[in-house]
Amino acid sequence: MKFAKKCLSSILVCYILIFSGCSSIETYVPNPLVDNVASWDQNEQNSGLIDYIDGEGFLLTQGAANRYKALTEQYGESHTPPLKRGEGLKKRGDYFILPNEYMVEFIVMSRRHKRTIQNKSKSIFKLDI
């Protein structure tokens, strides 16, 4: 009988310690990113996005194309299917065309990078601009 009481009280103490510890665990959730304004590119506040061309995609500056190349190099392998460095970019004069499906990936990678630098408070890669 004494053995059963000791076992029961030991089990009860373990449950109390386990469940009291679980109640104090908190999960950190970062604040959502809110884009208020476009970034500066070539002395204009357009993020390097010049125009949209129907049937072709988005017209980008060299700076935006460089950011896209750097992001695909950093995060491209994590996409399905994997993206190679600068995949989808087509040169047009002094600018670049990025088709719609690649612009979606550009936006996703940009947000991921912003979350990363927000959490680390510094960039994890150097842009070749």
N, C-alpha and C. Protein backbone atom coordinates (compact mmCIF):
# COMPACT_ATOMS: atom_id res chain seq x y z
N MET A 1 0.82 -1.19 0.00
CA MET A 1 0.00 0.00 0.00
C MET A 1 0.86 1.26 0.00
N LYS A 2 1.94 1.28 0.80
CA LYS A 2 2.83 2.43 0.84
C LYS A 2 3.51 2.62 -0.51
N PHE A 3 3.86 1.51 -1.14
CA PHE A 3 4.51 1.58 -2.45
C PHE A 3 3.57 2.18 -3.49
N ALA A 4 2.32 1.79 -3.47
CA ALA A 4 1.32 2.31 -4.41
C ALA A 4 1.11 3.81 -4.20
N LYS A 5 1.08 4.25 -2.93
CA LYS A 5 0.92 5.68 -2.65
C LYS A 5 2.14 6.47 -3.15
N LYS A 6 3.34 5.91 -2.94
CA LYS A 6 4.55 6.60 -3.41
C LYS A 6 4.56 6.70 -4.93
N CYS A 7 4.19 5.62 -5.61
CA CYS A 7 4.14 5.64 -7.08
C CYS A 7 3.10 6.63 -7.57
N LEU A 8 1.94 6.60 -6.96
CA LEU A 8 0.87 7.51 -7.36
C LEU A 8 1.26 8.96 -7.12
N SER A 9 1.87 9.24 -5.99
CA SER A 9 2.27 10.62 -5.70
C SER A 9 3.42 11.04 -6.62
N SER A 10 4.32 10.13 -6.96
CA SER A 10 5.42 10.46 -7.89
C SER A 10 4.87 10.77 -9.27
N ILE A 11 3.93 9.97 -9.73
CA ILE A 11 3.31 10.19 -11.04
C ILE A 11 2.57 11.53 -11.05
N LEU A 12 1.84 11.82 -9.97
CA LEU A 12 1.11 13.07 -9.86
C LEU A 12 2.05 14.27 -9.91
N VAL A 13 3.18 14.19 -9.19
CA VAL A 13 4.17 15.27 -9.18
C VAL A 13 4.75 15.46 -10.58
N CYS A 14 5.04 14.36 -11.27
CA CYS A 14 5.57 14.45 -12.65
C CYS A 14 4.57 15.13 -13.57
N TYR A 15 3.30 14.75 -13.50
CA TYR A 15 2.28 15.38 -14.33
C TYR A 15 2.18 16.88 -14.04
N ILE A 16 2.20 17.24 -12.78
CA ILE A 16 2.11 18.66 -12.42
C ILE A 16 3.30 19.43 -12.97
N LEU A 17 4.50 18.87 -12.83
CA LEU A 17 5.69 19.56 -13.34
C LEU A 17 5.66 19.67 -14.86
N ILE A 18 5.25 18.60 -15.52
CA ILE A 18 5.21 18.61 -16.99
C ILE A 18 4.20 19.62 -17.49
N PHE A 19 2.99 19.57 -16.98
CA PHE A 19 1.94 20.45 -17.48
C PHE A 19 2.10 21.90 -17.03
N SER A 20 2.71 22.12 -15.90
CA SER A 20 2.94 23.50 -15.50
C SER A 20 4.04 24.12 -16.36
N GLY A 21 4.99 23.30 -16.81
CA GLY A 21 6.03 23.80 -17.71
C GLY A 21 5.48 24.12 -19.09
N CYS A 22 4.53 23.33 -19.55
CA CYS A 22 3.95 23.56 -20.87
C CYS A 22 3.14 24.84 -20.93
N SER A 23 2.54 25.21 -19.84
CA SER A 23 1.71 26.41 -19.86
C SER A 23 2.55 27.68 -19.96
N SER A 24 3.82 27.60 -19.61
CA SER A 24 4.65 28.80 -19.65
C SER A 24 5.43 28.92 -20.96
N ILE A 25 5.32 27.95 -21.85
CA ILE A 25 6.03 28.02 -23.13
C ILE A 25 5.26 28.94 -24.06
N GLU A 26 5.99 29.88 -24.66
CA GLU A 26 5.37 30.82 -25.59
C GLU A 26 5.99 30.65 -26.96
N THR A 27 5.20 30.86 -27.97
CA THR A 27 5.68 30.80 -29.35
C THR A 27 5.85 32.21 -29.87
N TYR A 28 7.02 32.49 -30.40
CA TYR A 28 7.29 33.81 -30.97
C TYR A 28 6.75 33.85 -32.39
N VAL A 29 5.93 34.84 -32.66
CA VAL A 29 5.39 35.05 -34.00
C VAL A 29 5.78 36.46 -34.42
N PRO A 30 6.59 36.58 -35.51
CA PRO A 30 7.00 37.92 -35.92
C PRO A 30 5.83 38.74 -36.45
N ASN A 31 5.97 40.04 -36.35
CA ASN A 31 4.94 40.93 -36.88
C ASN A 31 4.88 40.78 -38.40
N PRO A 32 3.69 40.85 -38.97
CA PRO A 32 3.59 40.76 -40.43
C PRO A 32 4.25 41.96 -41.10
N LEU A 33 4.81 41.72 -42.28
CA LEU A 33 5.44 42.80 -43.03
C LEU A 33 4.37 43.61 -43.73
N VAL A 34 4.54 44.90 -43.70
CA VAL A 34 3.61 45.78 -44.38
C VAL A 34 4.43 46.67 -45.31
N ASP A 35 4.19 46.53 -46.61
CA ASP A 35 4.87 47.38 -47.59
C ASP A 35 4.04 48.63 -47.78
N ASN A 36 4.60 49.77 -47.40
CA ASN A 36 3.88 51.03 -47.51
C ASN A 36 4.20 51.75 -48.81
N VAL A 37 5.48 51.77 -49.16
CA VAL A 37 5.90 52.50 -50.35
C VAL A 37 6.94 51.67 -51.12
N ALA A 38 7.08 51.99 -52.38
CA ALA A 38 8.09 51.33 -53.21
C ALA A 38 9.48 51.81 -52.82
N SER A 39 10.47 50.94 -53.03
CA SER A 39 11.85 51.32 -52.74
C SER A 39 12.40 52.18 -53.89
N TRP A 40 13.53 52.80 -53.63
CA TRP A 40 14.17 53.66 -54.63
C TRP A 40 15.03 52.84 -55.56
N ASP A 41 14.97 53.16 -56.85
CA ASP A 41 15.80 52.52 -57.86
C ASP A 41 16.07 53.55 -58.94
N GLN A 42 17.34 53.85 -59.20
CA GLN A 42 17.74 54.83 -60.20
C GLN A 42 17.05 56.18 -60.00
N ASN A 43 17.11 56.67 -58.77
CA ASN A 43 16.54 57.98 -58.39
C ASN A 43 15.03 58.08 -58.58
N GLU A 44 14.35 56.97 -58.67
CA GLU A 44 12.90 56.95 -58.76
C GLU A 44 12.36 55.94 -57.76
N GLN A 45 11.23 56.28 -57.18
CA GLN A 45 10.64 55.41 -56.17
C GLN A 45 9.66 54.44 -56.85
N ASN A 46 10.25 53.45 -57.57
CA ASN A 46 9.44 52.50 -58.31
C ASN A 46 9.87 51.05 -58.11
N SER A 47 10.82 50.81 -57.23
CA SER A 47 11.36 49.46 -56.95
C SER A 47 11.95 48.79 -58.18
N GLY A 48 12.23 49.54 -59.21
CA GLY A 48 12.80 48.97 -60.43
C GLY A 48 11.76 48.43 -61.39
N LEU A 49 10.49 48.59 -61.06
CA LEU A 49 9.40 48.13 -61.92
C LEU A 49 8.96 49.30 -62.80
N ILE A 50 9.23 49.18 -64.09
CA ILE A 50 8.96 50.27 -65.01
C ILE A 50 7.55 50.20 -65.59
N ASP A 51 7.16 49.01 -66.06
CA ASP A 51 5.89 48.89 -66.76
C ASP A 51 5.47 47.42 -66.81
N TYR A 52 4.21 47.20 -67.18
CA TYR A 52 3.71 45.86 -67.46
C TYR A 52 3.38 45.78 -68.94
N ILE A 53 3.87 44.75 -69.60
CA ILE A 53 3.62 44.58 -71.03
C ILE A 53 2.75 43.34 -71.20
N ASP A 54 1.53 43.54 -71.70
CA ASP A 54 0.59 42.42 -71.91
C ASP A 54 1.23 41.31 -72.73
N GLY A 55 1.04 40.09 -72.27
CA GLY A 55 1.54 38.93 -72.99
C GLY A 55 3.01 38.65 -72.79
N GLU A 56 3.74 39.57 -72.15
CA GLU A 56 5.18 39.37 -71.95
C GLU A 56 5.56 39.34 -70.47
N GLY A 57 5.13 40.33 -69.72
CA GLY A 57 5.47 40.38 -68.31
C GLY A 57 5.83 41.78 -67.86
N PHE A 58 6.70 41.86 -66.90
CA PHE A 58 7.05 43.12 -66.26
C PHE A 58 8.39 43.63 -66.77
N LEU A 59 8.46 44.92 -67.04
CA LEU A 59 9.68 45.57 -67.49
C LEU A 59 10.44 46.06 -66.24
N LEU A 60 11.66 45.56 -66.05
CA LEU A 60 12.45 45.87 -64.86
C LEU A 60 13.74 46.60 -65.21
N THR A 61 14.24 47.37 -64.26
CA THR A 61 15.55 48.02 -64.41
C THR A 61 16.65 47.02 -64.12
N GLN A 62 17.88 47.44 -64.40
CA GLN A 62 19.05 46.60 -64.11
C GLN A 62 19.13 46.29 -62.61
N GLY A 63 18.81 47.28 -61.78
CA GLY A 63 18.86 47.07 -60.32
C GLY A 63 17.87 46.02 -59.85
N ALA A 64 16.65 46.07 -60.37
CA ALA A 64 15.65 45.07 -60.00
C ALA A 64 16.05 43.70 -60.52
N ALA A 65 16.62 43.66 -61.73
CA ALA A 65 17.09 42.38 -62.28
C ALA A 65 18.21 41.80 -61.42
N ASN A 66 19.10 42.64 -60.94
CA ASN A 66 20.18 42.18 -60.05
C ASN A 66 19.62 41.63 -58.74
N ARG A 67 18.61 42.31 -58.19
CA ARG A 67 17.98 41.81 -56.95
C ARG A 67 17.34 40.44 -57.20
N TYR A 68 16.65 40.31 -58.34
CA TYR A 68 16.01 39.03 -58.68
C TYR A 68 17.06 37.93 -58.81
N LYS A 69 18.17 38.23 -59.49
CA LYS A 69 19.25 37.23 -59.64
C LYS A 69 19.80 36.81 -58.29
N ALA A 70 20.04 37.79 -57.41
CA ALA A 70 20.58 37.48 -56.08
C ALA A 70 19.59 36.65 -55.26
N LEU A 71 18.31 36.98 -55.35
CA LEU A 71 17.30 36.23 -54.60
C LEU A 71 17.15 34.81 -55.13
N THR A 72 17.20 34.63 -56.45
CA THR A 72 17.10 33.27 -56.99
C THR A 72 18.34 32.46 -56.62
N GLU A 73 19.47 33.12 -56.54
CA GLU A 73 20.69 32.42 -56.13
C GLU A 73 20.58 31.97 -54.66
N GLN A 74 20.01 32.84 -53.83
CA GLN A 74 19.91 32.55 -52.39
C GLN A 74 18.77 31.58 -52.07
N TYR A 75 17.60 31.77 -52.67
CA TYR A 75 16.41 31.01 -52.29
C TYR A 75 15.87 30.09 -53.38
N GLY A 76 16.45 30.12 -54.57
CA GLY A 76 15.91 29.38 -55.70
C GLY A 76 15.79 27.88 -55.48
N GLU A 77 16.74 27.31 -54.78
CA GLU A 77 16.73 25.86 -54.54
C GLU A 77 15.56 25.42 -53.67
N SER A 78 15.00 26.32 -52.89
CA SER A 78 13.91 25.95 -51.98
C SER A 78 12.55 25.97 -52.69
N HIS A 79 12.50 26.39 -53.94
CA HIS A 79 11.25 26.43 -54.69
C HIS A 79 11.03 25.12 -55.44
N THR A 80 9.79 24.84 -55.77
CA THR A 80 9.46 23.64 -56.53
C THR A 80 8.79 24.07 -57.82
N PRO A 81 9.38 23.80 -58.97
CA PRO A 81 10.74 23.29 -59.17
C PRO A 81 11.77 24.36 -58.82
N PRO A 82 13.00 23.93 -58.55
CA PRO A 82 14.05 24.89 -58.18
C PRO A 82 14.29 25.94 -59.26
N LEU A 83 14.58 27.15 -58.84
CA LEU A 83 14.88 28.24 -59.77
C LEU A 83 16.39 28.43 -59.86
N LYS A 84 16.89 28.57 -61.08
CA LYS A 84 18.31 28.87 -61.27
C LYS A 84 18.51 30.38 -61.18
N ARG A 85 19.74 30.79 -60.99
CA ARG A 85 20.05 32.22 -60.87
C ARG A 85 19.54 32.99 -62.09
N GLY A 86 18.66 33.95 -61.87
CA GLY A 86 18.16 34.81 -62.92
C GLY A 86 17.20 34.13 -63.90
N GLU A 87 16.71 32.96 -63.54
CA GLU A 87 15.82 32.22 -64.45
C GLU A 87 14.59 33.05 -64.80
N GLY A 88 14.28 33.10 -66.10
CA GLY A 88 13.10 33.81 -66.57
C GLY A 88 13.37 35.22 -67.08
N LEU A 89 14.49 35.82 -66.69
CA LEU A 89 14.81 37.18 -67.13
C LEU A 89 15.20 37.19 -68.61
N LYS A 90 14.66 38.15 -69.33
CA LYS A 90 15.00 38.32 -70.75
C LYS A 90 15.43 39.77 -70.95
N LYS A 91 16.59 39.96 -71.54
CA LYS A 91 17.12 41.31 -71.79
C LYS A 91 16.32 42.00 -72.89
N ARG A 92 15.99 43.26 -72.68
CA ARG A 92 15.32 44.07 -73.71
C ARG A 92 15.90 45.47 -73.63
N GLY A 93 16.84 45.76 -74.51
CA GLY A 93 17.52 47.06 -74.50
C GLY A 93 18.26 47.25 -73.19
N ASP A 94 17.98 48.36 -72.51
CA ASP A 94 18.60 48.64 -71.21
C ASP A 94 17.83 48.00 -70.05
N TYR A 95 16.73 47.35 -70.36
CA TYR A 95 15.84 46.80 -69.34
C TYR A 95 15.73 45.29 -69.45
N PHE A 96 14.90 44.71 -68.59
CA PHE A 96 14.68 43.27 -68.59
C PHE A 96 13.18 43.00 -68.52
N ILE A 97 12.77 41.88 -69.11
CA ILE A 97 11.38 41.42 -69.02
C ILE A 97 11.36 40.22 -68.07
N LEU A 98 10.44 40.25 -67.12
CA LEU A 98 10.24 39.12 -66.21
C LEU A 98 8.78 38.67 -66.34
N PRO A 99 8.57 37.44 -66.88
CA PRO A 99 7.20 36.94 -67.05
C PRO A 99 6.44 36.84 -65.72
N ASN A 100 5.12 36.83 -65.83
CA ASN A 100 4.24 36.86 -64.65
C ASN A 100 4.58 35.78 -63.63
N GLU A 101 4.76 34.52 -64.08
CA GLU A 101 5.00 33.43 -63.14
C GLU A 101 6.30 33.62 -62.35
N TYR A 102 7.29 34.28 -62.97
CA TYR A 102 8.53 34.55 -62.26
C TYR A 102 8.40 35.77 -61.35
N MET A 103 7.54 36.71 -61.71
CA MET A 103 7.29 37.87 -60.84
C MET A 103 6.67 37.41 -59.53
N VAL A 104 5.80 36.41 -59.60
CA VAL A 104 5.21 35.85 -58.37
C VAL A 104 6.33 35.31 -57.47
N GLU A 105 7.27 34.58 -58.07
CA GLU A 105 8.39 34.03 -57.29
C GLU A 105 9.27 35.15 -56.74
N PHE A 106 9.48 36.20 -57.52
CA PHE A 106 10.26 37.36 -57.09
C PHE A 106 9.64 37.98 -55.84
N ILE A 107 8.33 38.14 -55.85
CA ILE A 107 7.63 38.72 -54.70
C ILE A 107 7.76 37.82 -53.48
N VAL A 108 7.57 36.52 -53.67
CA VAL A 108 7.67 35.56 -52.56
C VAL A 108 9.07 35.59 -51.96
N MET A 109 10.10 35.57 -52.82
CA MET A 109 11.48 35.58 -52.32
C MET A 109 11.82 36.90 -51.65
N SER A 110 11.30 38.01 -52.18
CA SER A 110 11.55 39.32 -51.55
C SER A 110 10.97 39.38 -50.15
N ARG A 111 9.75 38.90 -49.99
CA ARG A 111 9.13 38.89 -48.66
C ARG A 111 9.89 37.98 -47.70
N ARG A 112 10.32 36.83 -48.22
CA ARG A 112 11.10 35.91 -47.38
C ARG A 112 12.40 36.58 -46.94
N HIS A 113 13.05 37.27 -47.85
CA HIS A 113 14.30 37.95 -47.52
C HIS A 113 14.07 39.07 -46.51
N LYS A 114 12.99 39.82 -46.67
CA LYS A 114 12.67 40.88 -45.71
C LYS A 114 12.43 40.31 -44.32
N ARG A 115 11.74 39.18 -44.24
CA ARG A 115 11.52 38.54 -42.93
C ARG A 115 12.84 38.11 -42.33
N THR A 116 13.73 37.58 -43.18
CA THR A 116 15.03 37.12 -42.70
C THR A 116 15.85 38.28 -42.15
N ILE A 117 15.91 39.39 -42.90
CA ILE A 117 16.72 40.50 -42.41
C ILE A 117 16.05 41.21 -41.24
N GLN A 118 14.72 41.14 -41.18
CA GLN A 118 14.02 41.72 -40.04
C GLN A 118 14.37 40.92 -38.78
N ASN A 119 14.44 39.61 -38.91
CA ASN A 119 14.75 38.75 -37.76
C ASN A 119 16.22 38.79 -37.41
N LYS A 120 17.09 38.95 -38.37
CA LYS A 120 18.53 38.97 -38.11
C LYS A 120 19.09 40.38 -38.05
N SER A 121 18.29 41.33 -38.44
CA SER A 121 18.64 42.76 -38.48
C SER A 121 19.81 43.07 -39.40
N LYS A 122 20.12 42.17 -40.33
CA LYS A 122 21.10 42.47 -41.36
C LYS A 122 20.87 41.53 -42.53
N SER A 123 21.36 41.90 -43.69
CA SER A 123 21.18 41.11 -44.90
C SER A 123 22.02 39.84 -44.84
N ILE A 124 21.47 38.73 -45.38
CA ILE A 124 22.22 37.48 -45.37
C ILE A 124 23.01 37.28 -46.64
N PHE A 125 22.87 38.17 -47.61
CA PHE A 125 23.68 38.08 -48.81
C PHE A 125 23.93 39.49 -49.35
N LYS A 126 24.96 39.59 -50.13
CA LYS A 126 25.34 40.88 -50.71
C LYS A 126 24.78 40.93 -52.13
N LEU A 127 24.09 41.99 -52.46
CA LEU A 127 23.58 42.17 -53.81
C LEU A 127 24.68 42.69 -54.71
N ASP A 128 24.81 42.12 -55.91
CA ASP A 128 25.79 42.57 -56.89
C ASP A 128 25.15 43.63 -57.78
N ILE A 129 25.20 44.87 -57.32
CA ILE A 129 24.56 45.96 -58.07
C ILE A 129 25.64 46.81 -58.71
